[in-house]
């Protein structure tokens, strides 16, 4: 058996909630949390912890993320009271015109430049305290020695089993002995281990200009792709300061998703009414507003999501008819970490793709198919959509949260309202029944049946169709969060829906 920490088969109360004073991390996998906690204990920053955990997740949660995916981390600096976001996001090849037919959407033409490593390295250069290679020790061990497959990984992989083994490289990893891996088995990824080892030793140059870049390009082009070595070398990270966003009720948000500020202001202005219908209508109207009225430029978005803008939209929320929308489906991981200095790192990293992309792998690394570029059909994403936030009050951080999944926006919204406006602890919040997004082509959002028949009946009576789902549905997302209390205690939580772990020291 593997010594890499495994997900439990059922929620572990000691994993769901944790406290600490010197540091805290929350992820959706115990192995990732252990790596992040080790980084904090070694004197690493919150960013070191975030990156060490994220590297492990590229191994143990391969249906959610990959080194060839994207990485976004927002970092709060206690010395300045400000936050910055660093993002490494893939871009289409210069020669790709985007005019893809059905066959091309399952080919190498969907391969984009891998942003994860660029984003991670840029964040580490700005905020890292540990050595670059130190960030990959736990990930290397998990890939080389293997880890125990849990039911969540197997379930998501089985859903995309027809893609995972399309090519020999995939069959070698996901179909050991000729059959797909199973729950309880130890899954080893020797090719990925070699790549992680070289990345740790050589840095991003190996990934974007060295041997890995050459193999990545060759694999894509052999399947019809248009990516070149020049495209790989040109991949870069984005580093931008964030404008604090005021929220009705006295909070300030630091987030790359200004839609969160609008939604929280609407929830405050709507009053203490915690009815399911009202909360779902806030999400609907905010989504539609984001499609039409929020500028894509973050610097220009503040006025569009101000408390005053929320006041103008409130009547439509309260009196308007339901306005369902299409949602997207892609694998993602969320992480929140805090260190002893008060630095906070929060965000997501992702394949931005359905599991296994189109089935291509290079040197053990899954090559994703970004749904924001190549989904069928394309689902419009509102300006201001994002997966994480940090809330401050009177200049002091009080709550940081992030979530993956099709329901990321809904998850962060509901948990933020519960903690910031209803006075729940994070642990109380993640145990509440939730609503989420819809599954295309349906426009009927998911609602966990344990929210109660009376609440569901009211929603349906008012014309908002829903899809009842079982309790603890993983597609509701996974709230990874930390609450910061005035006595200096950090209260971490890991949503039991994805059997992760929060840990502090």
Foldseek 3Di string as FASTA:
>chain_A
DDPQDFFDQFFDPQFFKEKFQFKKKWWLTANLRVQLQVCQVVVKFQLLSVLLSVLQCVQQQVQFFFQQAKDKKKKQDLVVLFIKMKIFHWDQAPPQPLPDDPLRQLFLQLFTARGHQQRSVVSCVVGTDDALLSSCPSNLSCQAVFDFRAPVSVVLCVVVVVQQPPDPLSCVQQVPVNHGDDGGDGGHQVLVSVVSNCCSVPPCCCCLPNDLVVQSVVQSVVRPHDHDSVSSNPRHMDMGIADWADAPPFKIKGDQFLLLRLLRNLVVVVPPDPFPLLSVLSVQLSFVCLAPPADLDRVRRRVCRHSVVSVVCNCCSVPNAGDFFDFDWFRKIWMWMGGNSGMIMTFIIGLLARGLASNTDGSRTRRHRRQCSSNVVHGDGGRSDGFWMWMDGPSHTFKIKGWDASFRSQLVNQLCCCVVPVPDDSSVSLPAWGWGADHPPDRATETAPVNDPVSQVVNVVRPRHHDYDHPLACNNIWIWMWGADPVSMIMTGIRSSSSIGMYYD
